[in-house]
Amino acid sequence: MPIEFRELKHPDKEQTQGIIEMWVEILTIEESRYIPMAKLNQNTNKEDFEVRLILWETREVPLVDGDSVDIYLKAIFFADSWDSENETKQTDVHYKSTDGRGRFNYRMKFLL
């Protein structure tokens, strides 16, 4: 049976809110008569998740200070669909980049 993956989308947001893994069975009316209906149980247990973000490199950052630029990265996790507040994390600064590239080996972890 082939497994399908579908994106979960919210009408007010551009970014995908997750992915659902599923399979679909298509039956004729006659076939469906021989398969009893099953009750779907709602999972009431809250699950903890974490999102990990790894930042390695930036490219083509505009040189706004003339011949160099100071580069840092900021990640904001919008948790408006959860009970926690929005969380912001920031890297250290890559000073005086003359080619618009910044090199990082930075990890950020957001807990849900």
PDB file of N, CA and C in Angstrom:
ATOM      1  N   MET A   1       0.849  -1.174   0.000  1.00  0.00           N
ATOM      2  CA  MET A   1       0.000   0.000   0.000  1.00  0.00           C
ATOM      3  C   MET A   1       0.900   1.245   0.000  1.00  0.00           C
ATOM      4  N   PRO A   2       0.763   2.126  -0.978  1.00  0.00           N
ATOM      5  CA  PRO A   2       1.642   3.298  -1.043  1.00  0.00           C
ATOM      6  C   PRO A   2       1.292   4.325   0.039  1.00  0.00           C
ATOM      7  N   ILE A   3       2.336   4.866   0.640  1.00  0.00           N
ATOM      8  CA  ILE A   3       2.191   5.919   1.650  1.00  0.00           C
ATOM      9  C   ILE A   3       2.254   7.270   0.943  1.00  0.00           C
ATOM     10  N   GLU A   4       1.377   8.174   1.320  1.00  0.00           N
ATOM     11  CA  GLU A   4       1.365   9.523   0.757  1.00  0.00           C
ATOM     12  C   GLU A   4       1.682  10.534   1.843  1.00  0.00           C
ATOM     13  N   PHE A   5       2.298  11.629   1.443  1.00  0.00           N
ATOM     14  CA  PHE A   5       2.618  12.728   2.353  1.00  0.00           C
ATOM     15  C   PHE A   5       1.932  13.984   1.824  1.00  0.00           C
ATOM     16  N   ARG A   6       1.231  14.669   2.709  1.00  0.00           N
ATOM     17  CA  ARG A   6       0.523  15.905   2.335  1.00  0.00           C
ATOM     18  C   ARG A   6       0.900  17.008   3.315  1.00  0.00           C
ATOM     19  N   GLU A   7       1.043  18.221   2.779  1.00  0.00           N
ATOM     20  CA  GLU A   7       1.362  19.371   3.619  1.00  0.00           C
ATOM     21  C   GLU A   7       0.112  19.835   4.363  1.00  0.00           C
ATOM     22  N   LEU A   8       0.297  20.258   5.608  1.00  0.00           N
ATOM     23  CA  LEU A   8      -0.787  20.852   6.388  1.00  0.00           C
ATOM     24  C   LEU A   8      -0.654  22.360   6.258  1.00  0.00           C
ATOM     25  N   LYS A   9      -1.682  23.001   5.738  1.00  0.00           N
ATOM     26  CA  LYS A   9      -1.622  24.438   5.486  1.00  0.00           C
ATOM     27  C   LYS A   9      -2.690  25.154   6.292  1.00  0.00           C
ATOM     28  N   HIS A  10      -2.350  26.361   6.706  1.00  0.00           N
ATOM     29  CA  HIS A  10      -3.288  27.234   7.402  1.00  0.00           C
ATOM     30  C   HIS A  10      -3.662  28.343   6.422  1.00  0.00           C
ATOM     31  N   PRO A  11      -4.939  28.706   6.309  1.00  0.00           N
ATOM     32  CA  PRO A  11      -5.331  29.702   5.306  1.00  0.00           C
ATOM     33  C   PRO A  11      -4.710  31.087   5.513  1.00  0.00           C
ATOM     34  N   ASP A  12      -4.277  31.414   6.732  1.00  0.00           N
ATOM     35  CA  ASP A  12      -3.725  32.736   6.993  1.00  0.00           C
ATOM     36  C   ASP A  12      -2.200  32.757   6.970  1.00  0.00           C
ATOM     37  N   LYS A  13      -1.548  31.633   6.670  1.00  0.00           N
ATOM     38  CA  LYS A  13      -0.095  31.564   6.716  1.00  0.00           C
ATOM     39  C   LYS A  13       0.454  31.003   5.412  1.00  0.00           C
ATOM     40  N   GLU A  14       1.607  31.507   5.006  1.00  0.00           N
ATOM     41  CA  GLU A  14       2.235  31.020   3.782  1.00  0.00           C
ATOM     42  C   GLU A  14       3.032  29.747   4.041  1.00  0.00           C
ATOM     43  N   GLN A  15       3.615  29.636   5.216  1.00  0.00           N
ATOM     44  CA  GLN A  15       4.480  28.512   5.534  1.00  0.00           C
ATOM     45  C   GLN A  15       3.652  27.281   5.899  1.00  0.00           C
ATOM     46  N   THR A  16       4.122  26.119   5.455  1.00  0.00           N
ATOM     47  CA  THR A  16       3.476  24.855   5.795  1.00  0.00           C
ATOM     48  C   THR A  16       3.521  24.647   7.299  1.00  0.00           C
ATOM     49  N   GLN A  17       2.429  24.153   7.875  1.00  0.00           N
ATOM     50  CA  GLN A  17       2.335  23.953   9.318  1.00  0.00           C
ATOM     51  C   GLN A  17       2.719  22.543   9.741  1.00  0.00           C
ATOM     52  N   GLY A  18       3.084  21.705   8.801  1.00  0.00           N
ATOM     53  CA  GLY A  18       3.498  20.342   9.102  1.00  0.00           C
ATOM     54  C   GLY A  18       3.198  19.435   7.929  1.00  0.00           C
ATOM     55  N   ILE A  19       3.452  18.156   8.115  1.00  0.00           N
ATOM     56  CA  ILE A  19       3.212  17.160   7.078  1.00  0.00           C
ATOM     57  C   ILE A  19       2.467  15.994   7.709  1.00  0.00           C
ATOM     58  N   ILE A  20       1.496  15.470   6.997  1.00  0.00           N
ATOM     59  CA  ILE A  20       0.773  14.303   7.465  1.00  0.00           C
ATOM     60  C   ILE A  20       1.146  13.113   6.575  1.00  0.00           C
ATOM     61  N   GLU A  21       1.418  11.992   7.224  1.00  0.00           N
ATOM     62  CA  GLU A  21       1.720  10.745   6.522  1.00  0.00           C
ATOM     63  C   GLU A  21       0.450   9.900   6.546  1.00  0.00           C
ATOM     64  N   MET A  22       0.036   9.385   5.365  1.00  0.00           N
ATOM     65  CA  MET A  22      -1.237   8.673   5.322  1.00  0.00           C
ATOM     66  C   MET A  22      -1.268   7.696   4.162  1.00  0.00           C
ATOM     67  N   TRP A  23      -2.278   6.866   4.172  1.00  0.00           N
ATOM     68  CA  TRP A  23      -2.606   6.060   3.008  1.00  0.00           C
ATOM     69  C   TRP A  23      -4.094   6.191   2.775  1.00  0.00           C
ATOM     70  N   VAL A  24      -4.491   6.025   1.540  1.00  0.00           N
ATOM     71  CA  VAL A  24      -5.887   6.177   1.148  1.00  0.00           C
ATOM     72  C   VAL A  24      -6.336   4.872   0.491  1.00  0.00           C
ATOM     73  N   GLU A  25      -7.450   4.346   0.957  1.00  0.00           N
ATOM     74  CA  GLU A  25      -8.029   3.160   0.351  1.00  0.00           C
ATOM     75  C   GLU A  25      -9.312   3.577  -0.366  1.00  0.00           C
ATOM     76  N   ILE A  26      -9.407   3.275  -1.636  1.00  0.00           N
ATOM     77  CA  ILE A  26     -10.589   3.606  -2.414  1.00  0.00           C
ATOM     78  C   ILE A  26     -11.334   2.296  -2.686  1.00  0.00           C
ATOM     79  N   LEU A  27     -12.554   2.231  -2.212  1.00  0.00           N
ATOM     80  CA  LEU A  27     -13.359   1.017  -2.321  1.00  0.00           C
ATOM     81  C   LEU A  27     -14.632   1.298  -3.099  1.00  0.00           C
ATOM     82  N   THR A  28     -15.137   0.259  -3.722  1.00  0.00           N
ATOM     83  CA  THR A  28     -16.462   0.376  -4.328  1.00  0.00           C
ATOM     84  C   THR A  28     -17.502   0.283  -3.208  1.00  0.00           C
ATOM     85  N   ILE A  29     -18.732   0.615  -3.489  1.00  0.00           N
ATOM     86  CA  ILE A  29     -19.790   0.523  -2.480  1.00  0.00           C
ATOM     87  C   ILE A  29     -19.947  -0.921  -2.023  1.00  0.00           C
ATOM     88  N   GLU A  30     -19.859  -1.851  -2.945  1.00  0.00           N
ATOM     89  CA  GLU A  30     -20.001  -3.266  -2.609  1.00  0.00           C
ATOM     90  C   GLU A  30     -18.867  -3.725  -1.682  1.00  0.00           C
ATOM     91  N   GLU A  31     -17.639  -3.334  -1.968  1.00  0.00           N
ATOM     92  CA  GLU A  31     -16.499  -3.713  -1.111  1.00  0.00           C
ATOM     93  C   GLU A  31     -16.632  -3.110   0.284  1.00  0.00           C
ATOM     94  N   SER A  32     -17.130  -1.891   0.357  1.00  0.00           N
ATOM     95  CA  SER A  32     -17.221  -1.212   1.654  1.00  0.00           C
ATOM     96  C   SER A  32     -18.242  -1.856   2.591  1.00  0.00           C
ATOM     97  N   ARG A  33     -19.181  -2.580   2.059  1.00  0.00           N
ATOM     98  CA  ARG A  33     -20.199  -3.236   2.893  1.00  0.00           C
ATOM     99  C   ARG A  33     -19.603  -4.344   3.762  1.00  0.00           C
ATOM    100  N   TYR A  34     -18.484  -4.902   3.360  1.00  0.00           N
ATOM    101  CA  TYR A  34     -17.878  -6.020   4.088  1.00  0.00           C
ATOM    102  C   TYR A  34     -16.828  -5.575   5.105  1.00  0.00           C
ATOM    103  N   ILE A  35     -16.572  -4.302   5.164  1.00  0.00           N
ATOM    104  CA  ILE A  35     -15.574  -3.784   6.106  1.00  0.00           C
ATOM    105  C   ILE A  35     -16.303  -2.976   7.170  1.00  0.00           C
ATOM    106  N   PRO A  36     -16.228  -3.404   8.431  1.00  0.00           N
ATOM    107  CA  PRO A  36     -16.940  -2.655   9.479  1.00  0.00           C
ATOM    108  C   PRO A  36     -16.292  -1.288   9.717  1.00  0.00           C
ATOM    109  N   MET A  37     -17.108  -0.303  10.096  1.00  0.00           N
ATOM    110  CA  MET A  37     -16.592   1.023  10.417  1.00  0.00           C
ATOM    111  C   MET A  37     -15.812   0.974  11.719  1.00  0.00           C
ATOM    112  N   ALA A  38     -14.753   1.738  11.774  1.00  0.00           N
ATOM    113  CA  ALA A  38     -13.937   1.800  12.986  1.00  0.00           C
ATOM    114  C   ALA A  38     -14.050   3.200  13.570  1.00  0.00           C
ATOM    115  N   LYS A  39     -14.107   3.278  14.875  1.00  0.00           N
ATOM    116  CA  LYS A  39     -14.186   4.567  15.550  1.00  0.00           C
ATOM    117  C   LYS A  39     -12.777   5.150  15.650  1.00  0.00           C
ATOM    118  N   LEU A  40     -12.631   6.403  15.270  1.00  0.00           N
ATOM    119  CA  LEU A  40     -11.345   7.087  15.375  1.00  0.00           C
ATOM    120  C   LEU A  40     -11.242   7.723  16.749  1.00  0.00           C
ATOM    121  N   ASN A  41     -10.188   7.417  17.457  1.00  0.00           N
ATOM    122  CA  ASN A  41      -9.979   7.981  18.785  1.00  0.00           C
ATOM    123  C   ASN A  41      -9.116   9.232  18.682  1.00  0.00           C
ATOM    124  N   GLN A  42      -9.513  10.252  19.401  1.00  0.00           N
ATOM    125  CA  GLN A  42      -8.739  11.478  19.427  1.00  0.00           C
ATOM    126  C   GLN A  42      -7.645  11.341  20.474  1.00  0.00           C
ATOM    127  N   ASN A  43      -6.420  11.656  20.087  1.00  0.00           N
ATOM    128  CA  ASN A  43      -5.299  11.595  21.019  1.00  0.00           C
ATOM    129  C   ASN A  43      -5.345  12.833  21.917  1.00  0.00           C
ATOM    130  N   THR A  44      -5.624  12.630  23.193  1.00  0.00           N
ATOM    131  CA  THR A  44      -5.717  13.753  24.120  1.00  0.00           C
ATOM    132  C   THR A  44      -4.410  13.995  24.866  1.00  0.00           C
ATOM    133  N   ASN A  45      -3.414  13.159  24.636  1.00  0.00           N
ATOM    134  CA  ASN A  45      -2.123  13.353  25.297  1.00  0.00           C
ATOM    135  C   ASN A  45      -1.321  14.414  24.557  1.00  0.00           C
ATOM    136  N   LYS A  46      -0.836  15.386  25.291  1.00  0.00           N
ATOM    137  CA  LYS A  46      -0.012  16.426  24.696  1.00  0.00           C
ATOM    138  C   LYS A  46       1.376  15.854  24.441  1.00  0.00           C
ATOM    139  N   GLU A  47       1.901  16.104  23.244  1.00  0.00           N
ATOM    140  CA  GLU A  47       3.225  15.620  22.896  1.00  0.00           C
ATOM    141  C   GLU A  47       4.195  16.788  22.843  1.00  0.00           C
ATOM    142  N   ASP A  48       5.412  16.560  23.325  1.00  0.00           N
ATOM    143  CA  ASP A  48       6.460  17.567  23.269  1.00  0.00           C
ATOM    144  C   ASP A  48       7.282  17.369  21.996  1.00  0.00           C
ATOM    145  N   PHE A  49       7.603  18.466  21.328  1.00  0.00           N
ATOM    146  CA  PHE A  49       8.400  18.434  20.112  1.00  0.00           C
ATOM    147  C   PHE A  49       9.505  19.463  20.234  1.00  0.00           C
ATOM    148  N   GLU A  50      10.536  19.287  19.418  1.00  0.00           N
ATOM    149  CA  GLU A  50      11.568  20.303  19.321  1.00  0.00           C
ATOM    150  C   GLU A  50      11.919  20.493  17.854  1.00  0.00           C
ATOM    151  N   VAL A  51      12.221  21.728  17.499  1.00  0.00           N
ATOM    152  CA  VAL A  51      12.646  22.080  16.151  1.00  0.00           C
ATOM    153  C   VAL A  51      14.110  22.483  16.251  1.00  0.00           C
ATOM    154  N   ARG A  52      14.953  21.851  15.441  1.00  0.00           N
ATOM    155  CA  ARG A  52      16.388  22.163  15.446  1.00  0.00           C
ATOM    156  C   ARG A  52      16.751  22.830  14.132  1.00  0.00           C
ATOM    157  N   LEU A  53      17.483  23.918  14.240  1.00  0.00           N
ATOM    158  CA  LEU A  53      17.895  24.699  13.080  1.00  0.00           C
ATOM    159  C   LEU A  53      19.410  24.819  13.106  1.00  0.00           C
ATOM    160  N   ILE A  54      20.065  24.477  11.992  1.00  0.00           N
ATOM    161  CA  ILE A  54      21.520  24.579  11.892  1.00  0.00           C
ATOM    162  C   ILE A  54      21.838  25.640  10.842  1.00  0.00           C
ATOM    163  N   LEU A  55      22.669  26.597  11.208  1.00  0.00           N
ATOM    164  CA  LEU A  55      23.053  27.696  10.320  1.00  0.00           C
ATOM    165  C   LEU A  55      24.544  27.567  10.010  1.00  0.00           C
ATOM    166  N   TRP A  56      24.866  27.413   8.723  1.00  0.00           N
ATOM    167  CA  TRP A  56      26.261  27.235   8.343  1.00  0.00           C
ATOM    168  C   TRP A  56      26.837  28.425   7.596  1.00  0.00           C
ATOM    169  N   GLU A  57      26.063  29.017   6.702  1.00  0.00           N
ATOM    170  CA  GLU A  57      26.682  29.974   5.801  1.00  0.00           C
ATOM    171  C   GLU A  57      25.648  30.953   5.246  1.00  0.00           C
ATOM    172  N   THR A  58      26.097  32.166   4.987  1.00  0.00           N
ATOM    173  CA  THR A  58      25.290  33.127   4.231  1.00  0.00           C
ATOM    174  C   THR A  58      26.069  33.504   2.983  1.00  0.00           C
ATOM    175  N   ARG A  59      25.338  33.858   1.938  1.00  0.00           N
ATOM    176  CA  ARG A  59      25.962  34.259   0.670  1.00  0.00           C
ATOM    177  C   ARG A  59      25.258  35.493   0.137  1.00  0.00           C
ATOM    178  N   GLU A  60      25.993  36.301  -0.580  1.00  0.00           N
ATOM    179  CA  GLU A  60      25.460  37.462  -1.293  1.00  0.00           C
ATOM    180  C   GLU A  60      24.716  38.437  -0.384  1.00  0.00           C
ATOM    181  N   VAL A  61      25.214  38.632   0.823  1.00  0.00           N
ATOM    182  CA  VAL A  61      24.648  39.652   1.699  1.00  0.00           C
ATOM    183  C   VAL A  61      25.136  41.006   1.186  1.00  0.00           C
ATOM    184  N   PRO A  62      24.240  41.966   0.956  1.00  0.00           N
ATOM    185  CA  PRO A  62      24.666  43.266   0.418  1.00  0.00           C
ATOM    186  C   PRO A  62      25.644  43.971   1.354  1.00  0.00           C
ATOM    187  N   LEU A  63      26.645  44.620   0.775  1.00  0.00           N
ATOM    188  CA  LEU A  63      27.643  45.371   1.540  1.00  0.00           C
ATOM    189  C   LEU A  63      27.089  46.759   1.813  1.00  0.00           C
ATOM    190  N   VAL A  64      26.333  46.901   2.893  1.00  0.00           N
ATOM    191  CA  VAL A  64      25.652  48.162   3.182  1.00  0.00           C
ATOM    192  C   VAL A  64      26.571  49.203   3.802  1.00  0.00           C
ATOM    193  N   ASP A  65      27.701  48.792   4.380  1.00  0.00           N
ATOM    194  CA  ASP A  65      28.619  49.734   5.008  1.00  0.00           C
ATOM    195  C   ASP A  65      29.763  50.113   4.081  1.00  0.00           C
ATOM    196  N   GLY A  66      29.559  50.041   2.782  1.00  0.00           N
ATOM    197  CA  GLY A  66      30.608  50.384   1.832  1.00  0.00           C
ATOM    198  C   GLY A  66      31.320  49.147   1.336  1.00  0.00           C
ATOM    199  N   ASP A  67      32.515  48.872   1.891  1.00  0.00           N
ATOM    200  CA  ASP A  67      33.293  47.730   1.405  1.00  0.00           C
ATOM    201  C   ASP A  67      33.208  46.501   2.306  1.00  0.00           C
ATOM    202  N   SER A  68      32.403  46.545   3.348  1.00  0.00           N
ATOM    203  CA  SER A  68      32.245  45.382   4.228  1.00  0.00           C
ATOM    204  C   SER A  68      30.874  45.422   4.915  1.00  0.00           C
ATOM    205  N   VAL A  69      30.535  44.298   5.556  1.00  0.00           N
ATOM    206  CA  VAL A  69      29.263  44.206   6.268  1.00  0.00           C
ATOM    207  C   VAL A  69      29.445  43.275   7.468  1.00  0.00           C
ATOM    208  N   ASP A  70      28.777  43.605   8.567  1.00  0.00           N
ATOM    209  CA  ASP A  70      28.745  42.729   9.740  1.00  0.00           C
ATOM    210  C   ASP A  70      27.474  41.885   9.634  1.00  0.00           C
ATOM    211  N   ILE A  71      27.610  40.550   9.724  1.00  0.00           N
ATOM    212  CA  ILE A  71      26.496  39.645   9.478  1.00  0.00           C
ATOM    213  C   ILE A  71      26.153  38.878  10.745  1.00  0.00           C
ATOM    214  N   TYR A  72      24.865  38.828  11.068  1.00  0.00           N
ATOM    215  CA  TYR A  72      24.362  37.914  12.088  1.00  0.00           C
ATOM    216  C   TYR A  72      23.007  37.409  11.613  1.00  0.00           C
ATOM    217  N   LEU A  73      22.580  36.296  12.159  1.00  0.00           N
ATOM    218  CA  LEU A  73      21.307  35.701  11.783  1.00  0.00           C
ATOM    219  C   LEU A  73      20.389  35.656  12.987  1.00  0.00           C
ATOM    220  N   LYS A  74      19.114  35.927  12.749  1.00  0.00           N
ATOM    221  CA  LYS A  74      18.116  35.885  13.811  1.00  0.00           C
ATOM    222  C   LYS A  74      16.981  34.976  13.364  1.00  0.00           C
ATOM    223  N   ALA A  75      16.564  34.088  14.245  1.00  0.00           N
ATOM    224  CA  ALA A  75      15.440  33.188  13.966  1.00  0.00           C
ATOM    225  C   ALA A  75      14.342  33.478  14.980  1.00  0.00           C
ATOM    226  N   ILE A  76      13.128  33.673  14.479  1.00  0.00           N
ATOM    227  CA  ILE A  76      11.977  33.907  15.339  1.00  0.00           C
ATOM    228  C   ILE A  76      11.005  32.764  15.114  1.00  0.00           C
ATOM    229  N   PHE A  77      10.693  32.049  16.174  1.00  0.00           N
ATOM    230  CA  PHE A  77       9.745  30.942  16.088  1.00  0.00           C
ATOM    231  C   PHE A  77       8.399  31.458  16.560  1.00  0.00           C
ATOM    232  N   PHE A  78       7.442  31.518  15.636  1.00  0.00           N
ATOM    233  CA  PHE A  78       6.111  32.011  15.945  1.00  0.00           C
ATOM    234  C   PHE A  78       5.270  30.854  16.473  1.00  0.00           C
ATOM    235  N   ALA A  79       5.003  30.874  17.734  1.00  0.00           N
ATOM    236  CA  ALA A  79       4.268  29.783  18.378  1.00  0.00           C
ATOM    237  C   ALA A  79       2.844  30.208  18.716  1.00  0.00           C
ATOM    238  N   ASP A  80       2.210  30.987  17.831  1.00  0.00           N
ATOM    239  CA  ASP A  80       0.876  31.498  18.156  1.00  0.00           C
ATOM    240  C   ASP A  80      -0.182  30.406  18.177  1.00  0.00           C
ATOM    241  N   SER A  81       0.108  29.239  17.631  1.00  0.00           N
ATOM    242  CA  SER A  81      -0.875  28.165  17.738  1.00  0.00           C
ATOM    243  C   SER A  81      -0.611  27.265  18.935  1.00  0.00           C
ATOM    244  N   TRP A  82       0.426  27.568  19.703  1.00  0.00           N
ATOM    245  CA  TRP A  82       0.705  26.834  20.933  1.00  0.00           C
ATOM    246  C   TRP A  82       0.541  27.779  22.111  1.00  0.00           C
ATOM    247  N   ASP A  83       0.731  27.265  23.305  1.00  0.00           N
ATOM    248  CA  ASP A  83       0.515  28.074  24.503  1.00  0.00           C
ATOM    249  C   ASP A  83       1.709  28.946  24.877  1.00  0.00           C
ATOM    250  N   SER A  84       2.851  28.721  24.259  1.00  0.00           N
ATOM    251  CA  SER A  84       4.044  29.481  24.638  1.00  0.00           C
ATOM    252  C   SER A  84       4.147  30.772  23.833  1.00  0.00           C
ATOM    253  N   GLU A  85       5.069  31.626  24.246  1.00  0.00           N
ATOM    254  CA  GLU A  85       5.297  32.890  23.561  1.00  0.00           C
ATOM    255  C   GLU A  85       6.230  32.674  22.367  1.00  0.00           C
ATOM    256  N   ASN A  86       6.291  33.654  21.462  1.00  0.00           N
ATOM    257  CA  ASN A  86       7.242  33.596  20.360  1.00  0.00           C
ATOM    258  C   ASN A  86       8.653  33.616  20.924  1.00  0.00           C
ATOM    259  N   GLU A  87       9.528  32.846  20.318  1.00  0.00           N
ATOM    260  CA  GLU A  87      10.889  32.730  20.823  1.00  0.00           C
ATOM    261  C   GLU A  87      11.861  33.233  19.760  1.00  0.00           C
ATOM    262  N   THR A  88      12.832  34.072  20.171  1.00  0.00           N
ATOM    263  CA  THR A  88      13.819  34.637  19.266  1.00  0.00           C
ATOM    264  C   THR A  88      15.209  34.216  19.695  1.00  0.00           C
ATOM    265  N   LYS A  89      16.007  33.768  18.719  1.00  0.00           N
ATOM    266  CA  LYS A  89      17.409  33.429  18.982  1.00  0.00           C
ATOM    267  C   LYS A  89      18.256  34.089  17.915  1.00  0.00           C
ATOM    268  N   GLN A  90      19.507  34.356  18.279  1.00  0.00           N
ATOM    269  CA  GLN A  90      20.388  35.105  17.387  1.00  0.00           C
ATOM    270  C   GLN A  90      21.798  34.537  17.455  1.00  0.00           C
ATOM    271  N   THR A  91      22.492  34.544  16.319  1.00  0.00           N
ATOM    272  CA  THR A  91      23.869  34.076  16.278  1.00  0.00           C
ATOM    273  C   THR A  91      24.810  35.178  16.755  1.00  0.00           C
ATOM    274  N   ASP A  92      26.078  34.841  16.871  1.00  0.00           N
ATOM    275  CA  ASP A  92      27.084  35.865  17.096  1.00  0.00           C
ATOM    276  C   ASP A  92      27.298  36.621  15.778  1.00  0.00           C
ATOM    277  N   VAL A  93      28.143  37.634  15.772  1.00  0.00           N
ATOM    278  CA  VAL A  93      28.324  38.496  14.597  1.00  0.00           C
ATOM    279  C   VAL A  93      29.575  38.079  13.836  1.00  0.00           C
ATOM    280  N   HIS A  94      29.432  37.938  12.527  1.00  0.00           N
ATOM    281  CA  HIS A  94      30.563  37.715  11.625  1.00  0.00           C
ATOM    282  C   HIS A  94      30.975  39.111  11.129  1.00  0.00           C
ATOM    283  N   TYR A  95      32.035  39.659  11.722  1.00  0.00           N
ATOM    284  CA  TYR A  95      32.435  41.043  11.457  1.00  0.00           C
ATOM    285  C   TYR A  95      33.196  41.190  10.144  1.00  0.00           C
ATOM    286  N   LYS A  96      32.996  42.333   9.488  1.00  0.00           N
ATOM    287  CA  LYS A  96      33.781  42.819   8.347  1.00  0.00           C
ATOM    288  C   LYS A  96      33.869  41.850   7.184  1.00  0.00           C
ATOM    289  N   SER A  97      32.741  41.283   6.771  1.00  0.00           N
ATOM    290  CA  SER A  97      32.732  40.435   5.586  1.00  0.00           C
ATOM    291  C   SER A  97      32.860  41.316   4.356  1.00  0.00           C
ATOM    292  N   THR A  98      33.853  41.048   3.526  1.00  0.00           N
ATOM    293  CA  THR A  98      34.086  41.866   2.332  1.00  0.00           C
ATOM    294  C   THR A  98      33.486  41.260   1.068  1.00  0.00           C
ATOM    295  N   ASP A  99      33.054  40.004   1.137  1.00  0.00           N
ATOM    296  CA  ASP A  99      32.473  39.358  -0.041  1.00  0.00           C
ATOM    297  C   ASP A  99      31.003  38.985   0.154  1.00  0.00           C
ATOM    298  N   GLY A 100      30.406  39.408   1.263  1.00  0.00           N
ATOM    299  CA  GLY A 100      29.009  39.119   1.525  1.00  0.00           C
ATOM    300  C   GLY A 100      28.741  37.712   2.019  1.00  0.00           C
ATOM    301  N   ARG A 101      29.805  37.006   2.400  1.00  0.00           N
ATOM    302  CA  ARG A 101      29.635  35.643   2.922  1.00  0.00           C
ATOM    303  C   ARG A 101      29.917  35.645   4.419  1.00  0.00           C
ATOM    304  N   GLY A 102      29.095  34.911   5.132  1.00  0.00           N
ATOM    305  CA  GLY A 102      29.318  34.710   6.556  1.00  0.00           C
ATOM    306  C   GLY A 102      29.384  33.216   6.826  1.00  0.00           C
ATOM    307  N   ARG A 103      30.313  32.807   7.670  1.00  0.00           N
ATOM    308  CA  ARG A 103      30.470  31.392   7.977  1.00  0.00           C
ATOM    309  C   ARG A 103      30.124  31.154   9.436  1.00  0.00           C
ATOM    310  N   PHE A 104      29.188  30.256   9.642  1.00  0.00           N
ATOM    311  CA  PHE A 104      28.699  29.955  10.982  1.00  0.00           C
ATOM    312  C   PHE A 104      28.702  28.440  11.169  1.00  0.00           C
ATOM    313  N   ASN A 105      28.707  28.021  12.392  1.00  0.00           N
ATOM    314  CA  ASN A 105      28.415  26.633  12.745  1.00  0.00           C
ATOM    315  C   ASN A 105      27.549  26.733  13.995  1.00  0.00           C
ATOM    316  N   TYR A 106      26.319  27.146  13.780  1.00  0.00           N
ATOM    317  CA  TYR A 106      25.448  27.548  14.864  1.00  0.00           C
ATOM    318  C   TYR A 106      24.210  26.665  14.909  1.00  0.00           C
ATOM    319  N   ARG A 107      23.834  26.225  16.089  1.00  0.00           N
ATOM    320  CA  ARG A 107      22.641  25.405  16.267  1.00  0.00           C
ATOM    321  C   ARG A 107      21.648  26.114  17.179  1.00  0.00           C
ATOM    322  N   MET A 108      20.387  26.056  16.780  1.00  0.00           N
ATOM    323  CA  MET A 108      19.313  26.633  17.589  1.00  0.00           C
ATOM    324  C   MET A 108      18.278  25.548  17.830  1.00  0.00           C
ATOM    325  N   LYS A 109      17.742  25.504  19.021  1.00  0.00           N
ATOM    326  CA  LYS A 109      16.725  24.508  19.354  1.00  0.00           C
ATOM    327  C   LYS A 109      15.518  25.241  19.938  1.00  0.00           C
ATOM    328  N   PHE A 110      14.350  24.971  19.374  1.00  0.00           N
ATOM    329  CA  PHE A 110      13.102  25.530  19.852  1.00  0.00           C
ATOM    330  C   PHE A 110      12.248  24.380  20.380  1.00  0.00           C
ATOM    331  N   LEU A 111      11.777  24.521  21.601  1.00  0.00           N
ATOM    332  CA  LEU A 111      10.940  23.483  22.214  1.00  0.00           C
ATOM    333  C   LEU A 111       9.479  23.851  22.096  1.00  0.00           C
ATOM    334  N   LEU A 112       8.656  22.887  21.780  1.00  0.00           N
ATOM    335  CA  LEU A 112       7.210  23.114  21.634  1.00  0.00           C
ATOM    336  C   LEU A 112       6.511  22.458  22.801  1.00  0.00           C
TER     337      LEU A 112
END
